[in-house]
Amino acid sequence: MHVPDGFLDAPTSVATGVVAAAGIAVALRKARGELDDRTAPMAGLVAAFVFAGQMINFPVGAGTSGHLLGGALAAVLVGPWTGMLCLSVVLLVQALFMADGGITALGTNITLMGVVGCFVGYAVFRLALLVLPRRLGSVAPAAAVGALVSVPAAATVFTLLFVIGGNAPIDTGAVLTAMLGWHVVIGVGEAVVTGLVVGSVVAVRPDLVHGAQRLVQARTLEVRPSGLAAPARAGEVA
């Protein structure tokens, strides 16, 4: 999904750059509430995993490429704001050193994969948790659903941006068909990867998974009363 330089006109690129910059500015403040001394190292691990996953890409057509986005995965593991920062760092490194995505299109790519990918994926994840049974085992499938929806959502937003400010002489219908057709398939693959990774982490350290924190806290509250000894009555030895 990396958008190259010159694919969108200057006003559209500037507008998405403003959106990306504003999102990063807010994320730098909000991320402090998502991380602590235990979970902070997870952000680095997530960024490294997403970077590796995004290096496996293939052409979709019309000058764009398809690959795993990692937005929903990052949002569930470390929170949507921190996840957006992870994606932004990955995309910046790729644009500067890998020529993967254009420098002038960096704001567009951050908007699509960092903002849309993370927040749509996390919103769908939270909605899925409301439908699924309230237990830790539901975190992985809910994350998979979020990942499945986030990929075509980002592809749809890209198509809208192309309609507004596309420079390439390509039919909008062809772009929409290519982007959605490929990215629905990519979404299925991303759902599988996200579900497996989140499920593996939840099985070992659920307390490190941002999306599982409420369920971990609820389970702790349920376990503690049963483990407390009954108070001794008067005249009895405790």
C-alpha atoms as a PDB file:
ATOM      1  CA  MET A   1       0.000   0.000   0.000  1.00  0.00           C
ATOM      2  CA  HIS A   2       2.996   2.326  -0.037  1.00  0.00           C
ATOM      3  CA  VAL A   3       2.031   5.325  -2.155  1.00  0.00           C
ATOM      4  CA  PRO A   4       4.913   6.650  -4.323  1.00  0.00           C
ATOM      5  CA  ASP A   5       5.895  10.266  -4.945  1.00  0.00           C
ATOM      6  CA  GLY A   6       3.751  12.111  -7.476  1.00  0.00           C
ATOM      7  CA  PHE A   7       0.842   9.676  -7.363  1.00  0.00           C
ATOM      8  CA  LEU A   8      -1.339  12.272  -5.607  1.00  0.00           C
ATOM      9  CA  ASP A   9      -1.247  15.998  -6.321  1.00  0.00           C
ATOM     10  CA  ALA A  10       0.445  18.495  -4.023  1.00  0.00           C
ATOM     11  CA  PRO A  11      -2.689  19.775  -2.194  1.00  0.00           C
ATOM     12  CA  THR A  12      -3.781  16.231  -1.344  1.00  0.00           C
ATOM     13  CA  SER A  13      -0.291  15.245  -0.209  1.00  0.00           C
ATOM     14  CA  VAL A  14      -0.044  18.369   1.949  1.00  0.00           C
ATOM     15  CA  ALA A  15      -3.479  17.711   3.475  1.00  0.00           C
ATOM     16  CA  THR A  16      -2.608  14.135   4.416  1.00  0.00           C
ATOM     17  CA  GLY A  17       0.731  15.391   5.733  1.00  0.00           C
ATOM     18  CA  VAL A  18      -1.123  17.764   8.051  1.00  0.00           C
ATOM     19  CA  VAL A  19      -3.390  14.929   9.215  1.00  0.00           C
ATOM     20  CA  ALA A  20      -0.371  12.702   9.879  1.00  0.00           C
ATOM     21  CA  ALA A  21       1.535  15.443  11.718  1.00  0.00           C
ATOM     22  CA  ALA A  22      -1.470  16.272  13.887  1.00  0.00           C
ATOM     23  CA  GLY A  23      -2.023  12.592  14.648  1.00  0.00           C
ATOM     24  CA  ILE A  24       1.622  12.107  15.650  1.00  0.00           C
ATOM     25  CA  ALA A  25       1.531  15.203  17.875  1.00  0.00           C
ATOM     26  CA  VAL A  26      -1.520  13.891  19.721  1.00  0.00           C
ATOM     27  CA  ALA A  27      -0.109  10.351  19.843  1.00  0.00           C
ATOM     28  CA  LEU A  28       3.084  11.553  21.524  1.00  0.00           C
ATOM     29  CA  ARG A  29       0.955  12.740  24.451  1.00  0.00           C
ATOM     30  CA  LYS A  30      -1.615   9.952  24.504  1.00  0.00           C
ATOM     31  CA  ALA A  31       0.984   7.172  24.297  1.00  0.00           C
ATOM     32  CA  ARG A  32       2.174   8.013  27.809  1.00  0.00           C
ATOM     33  CA  GLY A  33      -1.088   6.655  29.166  1.00  0.00           C
ATOM     34  CA  GLU A  34      -0.778   3.400  27.217  1.00  0.00           C
ATOM     35  CA  LEU A  35       2.757   2.428  28.233  1.00  0.00           C
ATOM     36  CA  ASP A  36       4.536   1.822  31.519  1.00  0.00           C
ATOM     37  CA  ASP A  37       7.873   0.317  32.511  1.00  0.00           C
ATOM     38  CA  ARG A  38       6.612  -3.218  31.800  1.00  0.00           C
ATOM     39  CA  THR A  39       4.969  -2.621  28.429  1.00  0.00           C
ATOM     40  CA  ALA A  40       7.332  -0.003  26.933  1.00  0.00           C
ATOM     41  CA  PRO A  41       9.708  -2.643  25.451  1.00  0.00           C
ATOM     42  CA  MET A  42       6.726  -4.082  23.572  1.00  0.00           C
ATOM     43  CA  ALA A  43       6.611  -0.963  21.395  1.00  0.00           C
ATOM     44  CA  GLY A  44      10.082  -1.662  20.038  1.00  0.00           C
ATOM     45  CA  LEU A  45       9.267  -5.319  19.417  1.00  0.00           C
ATOM     46  CA  VAL A  46       6.047  -4.393  17.628  1.00  0.00           C
ATOM     47  CA  ALA A  47       7.831  -1.864  15.407  1.00  0.00           C
ATOM     48  CA  ALA A  48      10.480  -4.444  14.495  1.00  0.00           C
ATOM     49  CA  PHE A  49       7.864  -7.093  13.697  1.00  0.00           C
ATOM     50  CA  VAL A  50       5.804  -4.712  11.545  1.00  0.00           C
ATOM     51  CA  PHE A  51       8.952  -3.556   9.745  1.00  0.00           C
ATOM     52  CA  ALA A  52       9.855  -7.138   8.892  1.00  0.00           C
ATOM     53  CA  GLY A  53       6.302  -7.968   7.840  1.00  0.00           C
ATOM     54  CA  GLN A  54       6.007  -4.965   5.557  1.00  0.00           C
ATOM     55  CA  MET A  55       9.210  -5.844   3.732  1.00  0.00           C
ATOM     56  CA  ILE A  56       7.323  -8.722   2.096  1.00  0.00           C
ATOM     57  CA  ASN A  57       5.321  -6.862  -0.551  1.00  0.00           C
ATOM     58  CA  PHE A  58       4.130  -7.338  -4.100  1.00  0.00           C
ATOM     59  CA  PRO A  59       2.766  -5.047  -6.817  1.00  0.00           C
ATOM     60  CA  VAL A  60      -0.974  -4.427  -6.836  1.00  0.00           C
ATOM     61  CA  GLY A  61      -1.085  -2.208  -9.901  1.00  0.00           C
ATOM     62  CA  ALA A  62      -1.276   1.497 -10.714  1.00  0.00           C
ATOM     63  CA  GLY A  63       2.108   2.050  -9.075  1.00  0.00           C
ATOM     64  CA  THR A  64       1.152   0.769  -5.622  1.00  0.00           C
ATOM     65  CA  SER A  65       2.158  -2.310  -3.675  1.00  0.00           C
ATOM     66  CA  GLY A  66       0.414  -4.635  -1.270  1.00  0.00           C
ATOM     67  CA  HIS A  67       1.708  -6.117   1.997  1.00  0.00           C
ATOM     68  CA  LEU A  68       0.724  -6.700   5.591  1.00  0.00           C
ATOM     69  CA  LEU A  69      -0.093  -3.399   7.307  1.00  0.00           C
ATOM     70  CA  GLY A  70       0.239  -4.342  10.989  1.00  0.00           C
ATOM     71  CA  GLY A  71      -1.969  -1.491  12.226  1.00  0.00           C
ATOM     72  CA  ALA A  72      -4.490  -3.625  14.087  1.00  0.00           C
ATOM     73  CA  LEU A  73      -1.731  -5.848  15.486  1.00  0.00           C
ATOM     74  CA  ALA A  74       0.168  -2.863  16.853  1.00  0.00           C
ATOM     75  CA  ALA A  75      -2.968  -1.221  18.255  1.00  0.00           C
ATOM     76  CA  VAL A  76      -4.083  -4.347  20.131  1.00  0.00           C
ATOM     77  CA  LEU A  77      -0.629  -5.093  21.548  1.00  0.00           C
ATOM     78  CA  VAL A  78       0.485  -1.602  22.628  1.00  0.00           C
ATOM     79  CA  GLY A  79      -2.564   0.645  22.143  1.00  0.00           C
ATOM     80  CA  PRO A  80      -3.775   2.635  19.107  1.00  0.00           C
ATOM     81  CA  TRP A  81      -1.750   5.784  19.864  1.00  0.00           C
ATOM     82  CA  THR A  82       1.489   3.922  20.492  1.00  0.00           C
ATOM     83  CA  GLY A  83       0.719   1.667  17.552  1.00  0.00           C
ATOM     84  CA  MET A  84       0.398   4.696  15.317  1.00  0.00           C
ATOM     85  CA  LEU A  85       3.807   5.922  16.466  1.00  0.00           C
ATOM     86  CA  CYS A  86       5.299   2.490  15.736  1.00  0.00           C
ATOM     87  CA  LEU A  87       3.865   2.526  12.205  1.00  0.00           C
ATOM     88  CA  SER A  88       5.067   6.108  11.665  1.00  0.00           C
ATOM     89  CA  VAL A  89       8.635   5.207  12.616  1.00  0.00           C
ATOM     90  CA  VAL A  90       8.568   2.144  10.363  1.00  0.00           C
ATOM     91  CA  LEU A  91       7.234   4.135   7.406  1.00  0.00           C
ATOM     92  CA  LEU A  92       9.785   6.916   7.950  1.00  0.00           C
ATOM     93  CA  VAL A  93      12.695   4.461   7.929  1.00  0.00           C
ATOM     94  CA  GLN A  94      11.328   2.703   4.862  1.00  0.00           C
ATOM     95  CA  ALA A  95      10.895   5.982   2.962  1.00  0.00           C
ATOM     96  CA  LEU A  96      14.354   7.309   3.847  1.00  0.00           C
ATOM     97  CA  PHE A  97      16.468   4.177   3.554  1.00  0.00           C
ATOM     98  CA  MET A  98      14.471   1.598   1.587  1.00  0.00           C
ATOM     99  CA  ALA A  99      12.819   3.799  -1.075  1.00  0.00           C
ATOM    100  CA  ASP A 100       9.569   2.094  -0.075  1.00  0.00           C
ATOM    101  CA  GLY A 101       6.995   4.850  -0.404  1.00  0.00           C
ATOM    102  CA  GLY A 102       7.770   8.409  -1.407  1.00  0.00           C
ATOM    103  CA  ILE A 103       9.131  11.176   0.810  1.00  0.00           C
ATOM    104  CA  THR A 104       6.412  13.589  -0.322  1.00  0.00           C
ATOM    105  CA  ALA A 105       3.857  10.807   0.171  1.00  0.00           C
ATOM    106  CA  LEU A 106       5.017   9.997   3.712  1.00  0.00           C
ATOM    107  CA  GLY A 107       2.077  11.846   5.227  1.00  0.00           C
ATOM    108  CA  THR A 108      -0.302   9.907   2.983  1.00  0.00           C
ATOM    109  CA  ASN A 109       1.217   6.571   3.957  1.00  0.00           C
ATOM    110  CA  ILE A 110       1.142   7.410   7.666  1.00  0.00           C
ATOM    111  CA  THR A 111      -2.482   8.506   7.346  1.00  0.00           C
ATOM    112  CA  LEU A 112      -3.478   5.302   5.558  1.00  0.00           C
ATOM    113  CA  MET A 113      -1.511   2.734   7.542  1.00  0.00           C
ATOM    114  CA  GLY A 114      -0.871   4.537  10.842  1.00  0.00           C
ATOM    115  CA  VAL A 115      -4.112   6.431  11.386  1.00  0.00           C
ATOM    116  CA  VAL A 116      -6.705   4.409   9.460  1.00  0.00           C
ATOM    117  CA  GLY A 117      -5.005   1.041   9.969  1.00  0.00           C
ATOM    118  CA  CYS A 118      -4.536   1.411  13.713  1.00  0.00           C
ATOM    119  CA  PHE A 119      -7.746   3.163  14.695  1.00  0.00           C
ATOM    120  CA  VAL A 120     -10.155   1.301  12.433  1.00  0.00           C
ATOM    121  CA  GLY A 121      -8.542  -1.964  13.460  1.00  0.00           C
ATOM    122  CA  TYR A 122      -8.735  -1.111  17.160  1.00  0.00           C
ATOM    123  CA  ALA A 123     -12.326   0.176  16.928  1.00  0.00           C
ATOM    124  CA  VAL A 124     -13.469  -3.036  15.246  1.00  0.00           C
ATOM    125  CA  PHE A 125     -11.475  -5.033  17.807  1.00  0.00           C
ATOM    126  CA  ARG A 126     -13.320  -3.327  20.674  1.00  0.00           C
ATOM    127  CA  LEU A 127     -16.691  -3.890  18.983  1.00  0.00           C
ATOM    128  CA  ALA A 128     -15.867  -7.564  18.424  1.00  0.00           C
ATOM    129  CA  LEU A 129     -15.038  -7.960  22.122  1.00  0.00           C
ATOM    130  CA  LEU A 130     -18.534  -6.732  22.962  1.00  0.00           C
ATOM    131  CA  VAL A 131     -20.034  -9.564  20.901  1.00  0.00           C
ATOM    132  CA  LEU A 132     -17.635 -12.349  21.845  1.00  0.00           C
ATOM    133  CA  PRO A 133     -17.593 -14.023  25.289  1.00  0.00           C
ATOM    134  CA  ARG A 134     -15.902 -11.859  27.901  1.00  0.00           C
ATOM    135  CA  ARG A 135     -12.732 -13.906  28.401  1.00  0.00           C
ATOM    136  CA  LEU A 136      -9.064 -13.756  27.422  1.00  0.00           C
ATOM    137  CA  GLY A 137      -9.596 -16.333  24.701  1.00  0.00           C
ATOM    138  CA  SER A 138     -11.684 -13.782  22.794  1.00  0.00           C
ATOM    139  CA  VAL A 139      -8.829 -11.288  22.406  1.00  0.00           C
ATOM    140  CA  ALA A 140      -7.096 -13.106  19.528  1.00  0.00           C
ATOM    141  CA  PRO A 141     -10.199 -13.629  17.336  1.00  0.00           C
ATOM    142  CA  ALA A 142     -11.328 -10.060  18.020  1.00  0.00           C
ATOM    143  CA  ALA A 143      -7.894  -8.804  16.942  1.00  0.00           C
ATOM    144  CA  ALA A 144      -8.154 -10.932  13.794  1.00  0.00           C
ATOM    145  CA  VAL A 145     -11.496  -9.348  12.911  1.00  0.00           C
ATOM    146  CA  GLY A 146     -10.033  -5.887  13.463  1.00  0.00           C
ATOM    147  CA  ALA A 147      -7.119  -6.721  11.169  1.00  0.00           C
ATOM    148  CA  LEU A 148      -9.439  -8.137   8.519  1.00  0.00           C
ATOM    149  CA  VAL A 149     -11.485  -4.924   8.355  1.00  0.00           C
ATOM    150  CA  SER A 150      -8.609  -2.458   8.716  1.00  0.00           C
ATOM    151  CA  VAL A 151      -6.843  -3.447   5.480  1.00  0.00           C
ATOM    152  CA  PRO A 152      -9.705  -2.866   2.996  1.00  0.00           C
ATOM    153  CA  ALA A 153     -10.650   0.222   5.023  1.00  0.00           C
ATOM    154  CA  ALA A 154      -7.226   1.734   4.362  1.00  0.00           C
ATOM    155  CA  ALA A 155      -7.501   0.721   0.689  1.00  0.00           C
ATOM    156  CA  THR A 156     -10.883   2.453   0.461  1.00  0.00           C
ATOM    157  CA  VAL A 157      -9.504   5.667   1.964  1.00  0.00           C
ATOM    158  CA  PHE A 158      -6.642   5.563  -0.527  1.00  0.00           C
ATOM    159  CA  THR A 159      -9.146   5.279  -3.378  1.00  0.00           C
ATOM    160  CA  LEU A 160     -11.034   8.316  -2.046  1.00  0.00           C
ATOM    161  CA  LEU A 161      -7.773  10.268  -1.928  1.00  0.00           C
ATOM    162  CA  PHE A 162      -7.072   9.209  -5.504  1.00  0.00           C
ATOM    163  CA  VAL A 163     -10.498  10.460  -6.582  1.00  0.00           C
ATOM    164  CA  ILE A 164      -9.746  13.818  -4.947  1.00  0.00           C
ATOM    165  CA  GLY A 165      -6.181  14.329  -6.088  1.00  0.00           C
ATOM    166  CA  GLY A 166      -4.937  11.480  -8.234  1.00  0.00           C
ATOM    167  CA  ASN A 167      -2.299  12.442 -10.793  1.00  0.00           C
ATOM    168  CA  ALA A 168      -2.094   9.177 -12.720  1.00  0.00           C
ATOM    169  CA  PRO A 169      -4.380   8.811 -15.781  1.00  0.00           C
ATOM    170  CA  ILE A 170      -6.060   5.707 -14.398  1.00  0.00           C
ATOM    171  CA  ASP A 171      -9.774   5.027 -14.149  1.00  0.00           C
ATOM    172  CA  THR A 172     -11.053   5.324 -10.596  1.00  0.00           C
ATOM    173  CA  GLY A 173     -13.019   2.099 -10.936  1.00  0.00           C
ATOM    174  CA  ALA A 174      -9.882   0.237 -11.937  1.00  0.00           C
ATOM    175  CA  VAL A 175      -8.012   1.601  -8.923  1.00  0.00           C
ATOM    176  CA  LEU A 176     -10.861   0.684  -6.553  1.00  0.00           C
ATOM    177  CA  THR A 177     -11.153  -2.817  -8.016  1.00  0.00           C
ATOM    178  CA  ALA A 178      -7.410  -3.437  -7.822  1.00  0.00           C
ATOM    179  CA  MET A 179      -7.009  -2.031  -4.323  1.00  0.00           C
ATOM    180  CA  LEU A 180     -10.054  -3.664  -2.728  1.00  0.00           C
ATOM    181  CA  GLY A 181      -9.647  -6.936  -4.610  1.00  0.00           C
ATOM    182  CA  TRP A 182      -6.066  -7.447  -3.483  1.00  0.00           C
ATOM    183  CA  HIS A 183      -6.434  -5.956  -0.025  1.00  0.00           C
ATOM    184  CA  VAL A 184      -9.410  -8.101   0.918  1.00  0.00           C
ATOM    185  CA  VAL A 185      -7.131 -11.079   0.290  1.00  0.00           C
ATOM    186  CA  ILE A 186      -4.312  -9.369   2.181  1.00  0.00           C
ATOM    187  CA  GLY A 187      -6.801  -8.675   4.989  1.00  0.00           C
ATOM    188  CA  VAL A 188      -7.470 -12.404   5.352  1.00  0.00           C
ATOM    189  CA  GLY A 189      -3.752 -13.081   5.625  1.00  0.00           C
ATOM    190  CA  GLU A 190      -3.319 -10.221   8.063  1.00  0.00           C
ATOM    191  CA  ALA A 191      -6.183 -11.549  10.174  1.00  0.00           C
ATOM    192  CA  VAL A 192      -4.479 -14.940  10.430  1.00  0.00           C
ATOM    193  CA  VAL A 193      -1.089 -13.438  11.344  1.00  0.00           C
ATOM    194  CA  THR A 194      -2.609 -10.986  13.828  1.00  0.00           C
ATOM    195  CA  GLY A 195      -4.711 -13.646  15.506  1.00  0.00           C
ATOM    196  CA  LEU A 196      -1.752 -16.006  15.867  1.00  0.00           C
ATOM    197  CA  VAL A 197       0.640 -13.362  17.209  1.00  0.00           C
ATOM    198  CA  VAL A 198      -1.849 -11.816  19.639  1.00  0.00           C
ATOM    199  CA  GLY A 199      -3.007 -15.244  20.771  1.00  0.00           C
ATOM    200  CA  SER A 200       0.580 -16.326  21.443  1.00  0.00           C
ATOM    201  CA  VAL A 201       1.346 -13.241  23.537  1.00  0.00           C
ATOM    202  CA  VAL A 202      -1.953 -13.472  25.443  1.00  0.00           C
ATOM    203  CA  ALA A 203      -1.255 -17.113  26.263  1.00  0.00           C
ATOM    204  CA  VAL A 204       2.112 -16.247  27.823  1.00  0.00           C
ATOM    205  CA  ARG A 205       1.819 -12.675  29.131  1.00  0.00           C
ATOM    206  CA  PRO A 206      -1.722 -11.289  28.858  1.00  0.00           C
ATOM    207  CA  ASP A 207      -0.752  -8.429  31.172  1.00  0.00           C
ATOM    208  CA  LEU A 208       1.491  -7.027  28.421  1.00  0.00           C
ATOM    209  CA  VAL A 209      -1.294  -6.853  25.833  1.00  0.00           C
ATOM    210  CA  HIS A 210      -3.033  -3.482  25.824  1.00  0.00           C
ATOM    211  CA  GLY A 211      -6.256  -4.862  24.378  1.00  0.00           C
ATOM    212  CA  ALA A 212      -6.494  -7.509  27.101  1.00  0.00           C
ATOM    213  CA  GLN A 213      -5.951  -5.240  30.118  1.00  0.00           C
ATOM    214  CA  ARG A 214      -9.620  -4.921  31.055  1.00  0.00           C
ATOM    215  CA  LEU A 215     -10.111  -8.668  30.916  1.00  0.00           C
ATOM    216  CA  VAL A 216      -6.968  -9.273  32.967  1.00  0.00           C
ATOM    217  CA  GLN A 217      -8.156  -6.807  35.603  1.00  0.00           C
ATOM    218  CA  ALA A 218     -11.601  -8.413  35.703  1.00  0.00           C
ATOM    219  CA  ARG A 219     -10.082 -11.876  36.102  1.00  0.00           C
ATOM    220  CA  THR A 220      -7.835 -10.642  38.909  1.00  0.00           C
ATOM    221  CA  LEU A 221     -10.822  -9.222  40.779  1.00  0.00           C
ATOM    222  CA  GLU A 222     -12.644 -12.538  40.429  1.00  0.00           C
ATOM    223  CA  VAL A 223      -9.694 -14.628  41.653  1.00  0.00           C
ATOM    224  CA  ARG A 224      -8.680 -12.553  44.664  1.00  0.00           C
ATOM    225  CA  PRO A 225     -11.855 -12.958  46.802  1.00  0.00           C
ATOM    226  CA  SER A 226     -11.802 -16.753  46.424  1.00  0.00           C
ATOM    227  CA  GLY A 227      -8.175 -16.869  47.506  1.00  0.00           C
ATOM    228  CA  LEU A 228      -8.668 -14.864  50.681  1.00  0.00           C
ATOM    229  CA  ALA A 229      -8.933 -16.794  53.929  1.00  0.00           C
ATOM    230  CA  ALA A 230     -12.160 -16.341  55.906  1.00  0.00           C
ATOM    231  CA  PRO A 231     -11.732 -14.137  58.982  1.00  0.00           C
ATOM    232  CA  ALA A 232     -11.399 -16.036  62.243  1.00  0.00           C
ATOM    233  CA  ARG A 233     -14.323 -15.903  64.649  1.00  0.00           C
ATOM    234  CA  ALA A 234     -13.971 -14.879  68.277  1.00  0.00           C
ATOM    235  CA  GLY A 235     -12.322 -17.628  70.296  1.00  0.00           C
ATOM    236  CA  GLU A 236     -11.023 -19.442  67.210  1.00  0.00           C
ATOM    237  CA  VAL A 237      -7.418 -19.754  66.217  1.00  0.00           C
ATOM    238  CA  ALA A 238      -6.773 -18.194  62.825  1.00  0.00           C
END
